[in-house]
Amino acid sequence: MSETIRRLRWNPTVCTGAGYCAEVLPELIALDDWGFPILDSKPLDERTLPHAERAVAGCPRLALLIEEVPAPLPKRP
C-alpha cells in the first residue's frame, strides 16, 4: 500500500476571498491582490494540521479542504 500525505486544496469557483484561511494559517496560505488564497504545496505535518483543520472549518464558503493524496515517489539519484 502506498503512503499518503495531506495537503490543502481550495475551490476557486465558490471562494469569495474572505481571507480567513490566511489569518489562521499564514505559514501555508498567502493572499493574492484580490484576497484569494495562494496555497503552499507542502504537505501538512503535525504542527500545521490542527491550524489547517481550523482554517477549513472556518471557511464561510466551504471552499477550503484537506485532501489525502499519494506521497510522491522518491527521486532517483
PDB file of N, CA and C in Angstrom:
ATOM      1  N   MET A   1       0.850  -1.185   0.000  1.00  0.00           N
ATOM      2  CA  MET A   1       0.000   0.000   0.000  1.00  0.00           C
ATOM      3  C   MET A   1       0.893   1.245   0.000  1.00  0.00           C
ATOM      4  N   SER A   2       0.570   2.190  -0.838  1.00  0.00           N
ATOM      5  CA  SER A   2       1.405   3.379  -0.940  1.00  0.00           C
ATOM      6  C   SER A   2       1.093   4.359   0.191  1.00  0.00           C
ATOM      7  N   GLU A   3       2.067   5.161   0.518  1.00  0.00           N
ATOM      8  CA  GLU A   3       1.896   6.166   1.565  1.00  0.00           C
ATOM      9  C   GLU A   3       1.130   7.354   1.013  1.00  0.00           C
ATOM     10  N   THR A   4       0.485   8.069   1.924  1.00  0.00           N
ATOM     11  CA  THR A   4      -0.268   9.262   1.525  1.00  0.00           C
ATOM     12  C   THR A   4       0.206  10.457   2.342  1.00  0.00           C
ATOM     13  N   ILE A   5      -0.082  11.608   1.816  1.00  0.00           N
ATOM     14  CA  ILE A   5       0.177  12.866   2.514  1.00  0.00           C
ATOM     15  C   ILE A   5      -1.115  13.674   2.518  1.00  0.00           C
ATOM     16  N   ARG A   6      -1.197  14.625   3.421  1.00  0.00           N
ATOM     17  CA  ARG A   6      -2.338  15.540   3.457  1.00  0.00           C
ATOM     18  C   ARG A   6      -1.863  16.903   2.993  1.00  0.00           C
ATOM     19  N   ARG A   7      -2.715  17.543   2.217  1.00  0.00           N
ATOM     20  CA  ARG A   7      -2.400  18.898   1.770  1.00  0.00           C
ATOM     21  C   ARG A   7      -3.694  19.679   1.597  1.00  0.00           C
ATOM     22  N   LEU A   8      -3.550  20.970   1.495  1.00  0.00           N
ATOM     23  CA  LEU A   8      -4.702  21.851   1.325  1.00  0.00           C
ATOM     24  C   LEU A   8      -5.085  21.967  -0.138  1.00  0.00           C
ATOM     25  N   ARG A   9      -6.375  22.142  -0.358  1.00  0.00           N
ATOM     26  CA  ARG A   9      -6.887  22.406  -1.697  1.00  0.00           C
ATOM     27  C   ARG A   9      -8.052  23.379  -1.548  1.00  0.00           C
ATOM     28  N   TRP A  10      -8.252  24.240  -2.529  1.00  0.00           N
ATOM     29  CA  TRP A  10      -9.387  25.161  -2.472  1.00  0.00           C
ATOM     30  C   TRP A  10     -10.135  25.137  -3.788  1.00  0.00           C
ATOM     31  N   ASN A  11     -11.413  25.495  -3.690  1.00  0.00           N
ATOM     32  CA  ASN A  11     -12.282  25.518  -4.850  1.00  0.00           C
ATOM     33  C   ASN A  11     -12.488  26.978  -5.254  1.00  0.00           C
ATOM     34  N   PRO A  12     -11.850  27.413  -6.332  1.00  0.00           N
ATOM     35  CA  PRO A  12     -11.946  28.826  -6.719  1.00  0.00           C
ATOM     36  C   PRO A  12     -13.333  29.240  -7.194  1.00  0.00           C
ATOM     37  N   THR A  13     -14.171  28.284  -7.552  1.00  0.00           N
ATOM     38  CA  THR A  13     -15.498  28.665  -8.035  1.00  0.00           C
ATOM     39  C   THR A  13     -16.442  29.062  -6.911  1.00  0.00           C
ATOM     40  N   VAL A  14     -16.164  28.648  -5.671  1.00  0.00           N
ATOM     41  CA  VAL A  14     -17.032  29.037  -4.560  1.00  0.00           C
ATOM     42  C   VAL A  14     -16.374  30.023  -3.600  1.00  0.00           C
ATOM     43  N   CYS A  15     -15.061  30.188  -3.687  1.00  0.00           N
ATOM     44  CA  CYS A  15     -14.344  31.096  -2.794  1.00  0.00           C
ATOM     45  C   CYS A  15     -14.697  32.553  -3.115  1.00  0.00           C
ATOM     46  N   THR A  16     -14.950  33.326  -2.051  1.00  0.00           N
ATOM     47  CA  THR A  16     -15.243  34.746  -2.243  1.00  0.00           C
ATOM     48  C   THR A  16     -14.091  35.634  -1.776  1.00  0.00           C
ATOM     49  N   GLY A  17     -12.993  35.026  -1.342  1.00  0.00           N
ATOM     50  CA  GLY A  17     -11.832  35.807  -0.938  1.00  0.00           C
ATOM     51  C   GLY A  17     -11.973  36.461   0.417  1.00  0.00           C
ATOM     52  N   ALA A  18     -12.615  35.795   1.362  1.00  0.00           N
ATOM     53  CA  ALA A  18     -12.774  36.364   2.706  1.00  0.00           C
ATOM     54  C   ALA A  18     -11.436  36.509   3.426  1.00  0.00           C
ATOM     55  N   GLY A  19     -10.500  35.620   3.152  1.00  0.00           N
ATOM     56  CA  GLY A  19      -9.159  35.730   3.717  1.00  0.00           C
ATOM     57  C   GLY A  19      -8.970  35.125   5.092  1.00  0.00           C
ATOM     58  N   TYR A  20     -10.014  34.527   5.659  1.00  0.00           N
ATOM     59  CA  TYR A  20      -9.900  33.930   6.991  1.00  0.00           C
ATOM     60  C   TYR A  20      -8.818  32.852   7.020  1.00  0.00           C
ATOM     61  N   CYS A  21      -8.724  32.059   5.976  1.00  0.00           N
ATOM     62  CA  CYS A  21      -7.762  30.958   5.937  1.00  0.00           C
ATOM     63  C   CYS A  21      -6.323  31.452   6.098  1.00  0.00           C
ATOM     64  N   ALA A  22      -5.995  32.569   5.483  1.00  0.00           N
ATOM     65  CA  ALA A  22      -4.641  33.114   5.574  1.00  0.00           C
ATOM     66  C   ALA A  22      -4.351  33.674   6.958  1.00  0.00           C
ATOM     67  N   GLU A  23      -5.385  34.136   7.660  1.00  0.00           N
ATOM     68  CA  GLU A  23      -5.196  34.617   9.027  1.00  0.00           C
ATOM     69  C   GLU A  23      -4.876  33.459   9.962  1.00  0.00           C
ATOM     70  N   VAL A  24      -5.511  32.313   9.744  1.00  0.00           N
ATOM     71  CA  VAL A  24      -5.335  31.152  10.603  1.00  0.00           C
ATOM     72  C   VAL A  24      -4.053  30.398  10.274  1.00  0.00           C
ATOM     73  N   LEU A  25      -3.665  30.363   9.014  1.00  0.00           N
ATOM     74  CA  LEU A  25      -2.524  29.555   8.580  1.00  0.00           C
ATOM     75  C   LEU A  25      -1.586  30.337   7.658  1.00  0.00           C
ATOM     76  N   PRO A  26      -1.001  31.428   8.157  1.00  0.00           N
ATOM     77  CA  PRO A  26      -0.149  32.251   7.289  1.00  0.00           C
ATOM     78  C   PRO A  26       1.121  31.538   6.821  1.00  0.00           C
ATOM     79  N   GLU A  27       1.503  30.459   7.500  1.00  0.00           N
ATOM     80  CA  GLU A  27       2.696  29.718   7.088  1.00  0.00           C
ATOM     81  C   GLU A  27       2.490  29.022   5.741  1.00  0.00           C
ATOM     82  N   LEU A  28       1.234  28.690   5.414  1.00  0.00           N
ATOM     83  CA  LEU A  28       0.963  27.949   4.182  1.00  0.00           C
ATOM     84  C   LEU A  28       0.003  28.643   3.226  1.00  0.00           C
ATOM     85  N   ILE A  29      -0.618  29.741   3.673  1.00  0.00           N
ATOM     86  CA  ILE A  29      -1.587  30.416   2.811  1.00  0.00           C
ATOM     87  C   ILE A  29      -1.278  31.911   2.755  1.00  0.00           C
ATOM     88  N   ALA A  30      -1.071  32.390   1.547  1.00  0.00           N
ATOM     89  CA  ALA A  30      -0.919  33.826   1.299  1.00  0.00           C
ATOM     90  C   ALA A  30      -2.155  34.269   0.516  1.00  0.00           C
ATOM     91  N   LEU A  31      -2.354  35.561   0.409  1.00  0.00           N
ATOM     92  CA  LEU A  31      -3.480  36.080  -0.366  1.00  0.00           C
ATOM     93  C   LEU A  31      -2.968  36.852  -1.569  1.00  0.00           C
ATOM     94  N   ASP A  32      -3.667  36.702  -2.687  1.00  0.00           N
ATOM     95  CA  ASP A  32      -3.297  37.486  -3.864  1.00  0.00           C
ATOM     96  C   ASP A  32      -3.880  38.894  -3.729  1.00  0.00           C
ATOM     97  N   ASP A  33      -3.725  39.706  -4.747  1.00  0.00           N
ATOM     98  CA  ASP A  33      -4.178  41.101  -4.699  1.00  0.00           C
ATOM     99  C   ASP A  33      -5.690  41.244  -4.529  1.00  0.00           C
ATOM    100  N   TRP A  34      -6.451  40.201  -4.833  1.00  0.00           N
ATOM    101  CA  TRP A  34      -7.908  40.248  -4.735  1.00  0.00           C
ATOM    102  C   TRP A  34      -8.428  39.532  -3.487  1.00  0.00           C
ATOM    103  N   GLY A  35      -7.509  39.024  -2.651  1.00  0.00           N
ATOM    104  CA  GLY A  35      -7.905  38.361  -1.415  1.00  0.00           C
ATOM    105  C   GLY A  35      -8.123  36.869  -1.526  1.00  0.00           C
ATOM    106  N   PHE A  36      -7.785  36.290  -2.678  1.00  0.00           N
ATOM    107  CA  PHE A  36      -7.940  34.851  -2.854  1.00  0.00           C
ATOM    108  C   PHE A  36      -6.681  34.120  -2.402  1.00  0.00           C
ATOM    109  N   PRO A  37      -6.834  32.900  -1.872  1.00  0.00           N
ATOM    110  CA  PRO A  37      -5.687  32.193  -1.312  1.00  0.00           C
ATOM    111  C   PRO A  37      -4.702  31.681  -2.357  1.00  0.00           C
ATOM    112  N   ILE A  38      -3.443  31.742  -1.976  1.00  0.00           N
ATOM    113  CA  ILE A  38      -2.363  31.101  -2.714  1.00  0.00           C
ATOM    114  C   ILE A  38      -1.802  30.061  -1.755  1.00  0.00           C
ATOM    115  N   LEU A  39      -2.020  28.790  -2.066  1.00  0.00           N
ATOM    116  CA  LEU A  39      -1.662  27.708  -1.156  1.00  0.00           C
ATOM    117  C   LEU A  39      -0.257  27.195  -1.412  1.00  0.00           C
ATOM    118  N   ASP A  40       0.472  26.973  -0.344  1.00  0.00           N
ATOM    119  CA  ASP A  40       1.766  26.318  -0.422  1.00  0.00           C
ATOM    120  C   ASP A  40       1.495  24.840  -0.663  1.00  0.00           C
ATOM    121  N   SER A  41       2.268  24.202  -1.499  1.00  0.00           N
ATOM    122  CA  SER A  41       2.024  22.797  -1.833  1.00  0.00           C
ATOM    123  C   SER A  41       2.657  21.824  -0.839  1.00  0.00           C
ATOM    124  N   LYS A  42       3.294  22.352   0.214  1.00  0.00           N
ATOM    125  CA  LYS A  42       3.906  21.467   1.208  1.00  0.00           C
ATOM    126  C   LYS A  42       2.853  20.596   1.868  1.00  0.00           C
ATOM    127  N   PRO A  43       3.227  19.352   2.198  1.00  0.00           N
ATOM    128  CA  PRO A  43       2.286  18.508   2.943  1.00  0.00           C
ATOM    129  C   PRO A  43       2.058  19.064   4.347  1.00  0.00           C
ATOM    130  N   LEU A  44       0.887  18.794   4.881  1.00  0.00           N
ATOM    131  CA  LEU A  44       0.584  19.191   6.254  1.00  0.00           C
ATOM    132  C   LEU A  44       1.284  18.237   7.208  1.00  0.00           C
ATOM    133  N   ASP A  45       1.826  18.771   8.280  1.00  0.00           N
ATOM    134  CA  ASP A  45       2.500  17.944   9.280  1.00  0.00           C
ATOM    135  C   ASP A  45       1.799  18.099  10.620  1.00  0.00           C
ATOM    136  N   GLU A  46       2.368  17.515  11.667  1.00  0.00           N
ATOM    137  CA  GLU A  46       1.741  17.547  12.991  1.00  0.00           C
ATOM    138  C   GLU A  46       1.532  18.975  13.499  1.00  0.00           C
ATOM    139  N   ARG A  47       2.411  19.875  13.118  1.00  0.00           N
ATOM    140  CA  ARG A  47       2.330  21.260  13.580  1.00  0.00           C
ATOM    141  C   ARG A  47       1.285  22.056  12.804  1.00  0.00           C
ATOM    142  N   THR A  48       1.202  21.844  11.506  1.00  0.00           N
ATOM    143  CA  THR A  48       0.303  22.650  10.683  1.00  0.00           C
ATOM    144  C   THR A  48      -1.098  22.050  10.527  1.00  0.00           C
ATOM    145  N   LEU A  49      -1.239  20.739  10.737  1.00  0.00           N
ATOM    146  CA  LEU A  49      -2.542  20.094  10.539  1.00  0.00           C
ATOM    147  C   LEU A  49      -3.646  20.687  11.412  1.00  0.00           C
ATOM    148  N   PRO A  50      -3.449  20.906  12.719  1.00  0.00           N
ATOM    149  CA  PRO A  50      -4.542  21.488  13.511  1.00  0.00           C
ATOM    150  C   PRO A  50      -4.962  22.879  13.029  1.00  0.00           C
ATOM    151  N   HIS A  51      -4.018  23.681  12.587  1.00  0.00           N
ATOM    152  CA  HIS A  51      -4.331  25.016  12.070  1.00  0.00           C
ATOM    153  C   HIS A  51      -5.073  24.912  10.731  1.00  0.00           C
ATOM    154  N   ALA A  52      -4.639  23.949   9.910  1.00  0.00           N
ATOM    155  CA  ALA A  52      -5.320  23.735   8.630  1.00  0.00           C
ATOM    156  C   ALA A  52      -6.760  23.292   8.862  1.00  0.00           C
ATOM    157  N   GLU A  53      -6.972  22.421   9.834  1.00  0.00           N
ATOM    158  CA  GLU A  53      -8.327  21.969  10.146  1.00  0.00           C
ATOM    159  C   GLU A  53      -9.192  23.136  10.622  1.00  0.00           C
ATOM    160  N   ARG A  54      -8.608  24.039  11.401  1.00  0.00           N
ATOM    161  CA  ARG A  54      -9.343  25.217  11.860  1.00  0.00           C
ATOM    162  C   ARG A  54      -9.681  26.147  10.690  1.00  0.00           C
ATOM    163  N   ALA A  55      -8.742  26.317   9.772  1.00  0.00           N
ATOM    164  CA  ALA A  55      -8.990  27.156   8.599  1.00  0.00           C
ATOM    165  C   ALA A  55     -10.097  26.560   7.735  1.00  0.00           C
ATOM    166  N   VAL A  56     -10.078  25.252   7.546  1.00  0.00           N
ATOM    167  CA  VAL A  56     -11.113  24.578   6.763  1.00  0.00           C
ATOM    168  C   VAL A  56     -12.474  24.745   7.432  1.00  0.00           C
ATOM    169  N   ALA A  57     -12.523  24.529   8.738  1.00  0.00           N
ATOM    170  CA  ALA A  57     -13.791  24.636   9.470  1.00  0.00           C
ATOM    171  C   ALA A  57     -14.339  26.062   9.458  1.00  0.00           C
ATOM    172  N   GLY A  58     -13.459  27.059   9.384  1.00  0.00           N
ATOM    173  CA  GLY A  58     -13.894  28.448   9.432  1.00  0.00           C
ATOM    174  C   GLY A  58     -14.176  29.081   8.096  1.00  0.00           C
ATOM    175  N   CYS A  59     -13.940  28.368   7.014  1.00  0.00           N
ATOM    176  CA  CYS A  59     -14.171  28.946   5.686  1.00  0.00           C
ATOM    177  C   CYS A  59     -15.670  29.183   5.495  1.00  0.00           C
ATOM    178  N   PRO A  60     -16.074  30.437   5.295  1.00  0.00           N
ATOM    179  CA  PRO A  60     -17.504  30.732   5.197  1.00  0.00           C
ATOM    180  C   PRO A  60     -18.177  30.133   3.964  1.00  0.00           C
ATOM    181  N   ARG A  61     -17.428  29.820   2.938  1.00  0.00           N
ATOM    182  CA  ARG A  61     -18.000  29.259   1.709  1.00  0.00           C
ATOM    183  C   ARG A  61     -17.664  27.785   1.509  1.00  0.00           C
ATOM    184  N   LEU A  62     -16.990  27.169   2.491  1.00  0.00           N
ATOM    185  CA  LEU A  62     -16.572  25.764   2.393  1.00  0.00           C
ATOM    186  C   LEU A  62     -15.721  25.524   1.140  1.00  0.00           C
ATOM    187  N   ALA A  63     -14.894  26.485   0.826  1.00  0.00           N
ATOM    188  CA  ALA A  63     -14.057  26.402  -0.371  1.00  0.00           C
ATOM    189  C   ALA A  63     -12.702  25.753  -0.104  1.00  0.00           C
ATOM    190  N   LEU A  64     -12.360  25.563   1.151  1.00  0.00           N
ATOM    191  CA  LEU A  64     -11.062  25.020   1.525  1.00  0.00           C
ATOM    192  C   LEU A  64     -11.248  23.615   2.080  1.00  0.00           C
ATOM    193  N   LEU A  65     -10.363  22.699   1.691  1.00  0.00           N
ATOM    194  CA  LEU A  65     -10.441  21.352   2.224  1.00  0.00           C
ATOM    195  C   LEU A  65      -9.053  20.742   2.349  1.00  0.00           C
ATOM    196  N   ILE A  66      -8.998  19.690   3.140  1.00  0.00           N
ATOM    197  CA  ILE A  66      -7.773  18.912   3.287  1.00  0.00           C
ATOM    198  C   ILE A  66      -7.976  17.637   2.492  1.00  0.00           C
ATOM    199  N   GLU A  67      -7.052  17.359   1.590  1.00  0.00           N
ATOM    200  CA  GLU A  67      -7.158  16.138   0.812  1.00  0.00           C
ATOM    201  C   GLU A  67      -5.986  15.224   1.112  1.00  0.00           C
ATOM    202  N   GLU A  68      -6.229  13.948   0.984  1.00  0.00           N
ATOM    203  CA  GLU A  68      -5.192  12.945   1.165  1.00  0.00           C
ATOM    204  C   GLU A  68      -4.827  12.437  -0.221  1.00  0.00           C
ATOM    205  N   VAL A  69      -3.557  12.552  -0.559  1.00  0.00           N
ATOM    206  CA  VAL A  69      -3.087  12.156  -1.888  1.00  0.00           C
ATOM    207  C   VAL A  69      -1.887  11.225  -1.740  1.00  0.00           C
ATOM    208  N   PRO A  70      -1.586  10.431  -2.756  1.00  0.00           N
ATOM    209  CA  PRO A  70      -0.405   9.578  -2.689  1.00  0.00           C
ATOM    210  C   PRO A  70       0.865  10.416  -2.522  1.00  0.00           C
ATOM    211  N   ALA A  71       1.739   9.934  -1.676  1.00  0.00           N
ATOM    212  CA  ALA A  71       3.026  10.631  -1.478  1.00  0.00           C
ATOM    213  C   ALA A  71       3.842  10.513  -2.759  1.00  0.00           C
ATOM    214  N   PRO A  72       4.587  11.555  -3.098  1.00  0.00           N
ATOM    215  CA  PRO A  72       5.423  11.478  -4.295  1.00  0.00           C
ATOM    216  C   PRO A  72       6.488  10.405  -4.124  1.00  0.00           C
ATOM    217  N   LEU A  73       6.832   9.795  -5.221  1.00  0.00           N
ATOM    218  CA  LEU A  73       7.898   8.789  -5.184  1.00  0.00           C
ATOM    219  C   LEU A  73       9.235   9.465  -4.957  1.00  0.00           C
ATOM    220  N   PRO A  74      10.142   8.793  -4.239  1.00  0.00           N
ATOM    221  CA  PRO A  74      11.454   9.401  -4.043  1.00  0.00           C
ATOM    222  C   PRO A  74      12.188   9.564  -5.372  1.00  0.00           C
ATOM    223  N   LYS A  75      12.943  10.628  -5.459  1.00  0.00           N
ATOM    224  CA  LYS A  75      13.707  10.886  -6.691  1.00  0.00           C
ATOM    225  C   LYS A  75      14.914   9.982  -6.737  1.00  0.00           C
ATOM    226  N   ARG A  76      15.190   9.501  -7.923  1.00  0.00           N
ATOM    227  CA  ARG A  76      16.366   8.652  -8.105  1.00  0.00           C
ATOM    228  C   ARG A  76      17.619   9.507  -8.183  1.00  0.00           C
ATOM    229  N   PRO A  77      18.709   8.986  -7.626  1.00  0.00           N
ATOM    230  CA  PRO A  77      19.957   9.773  -7.703  1.00  0.00           C
ATOM    231  C   PRO A  77      20.525   9.824  -9.090  1.00  0.00           C
TER     232      PRO A  77
END
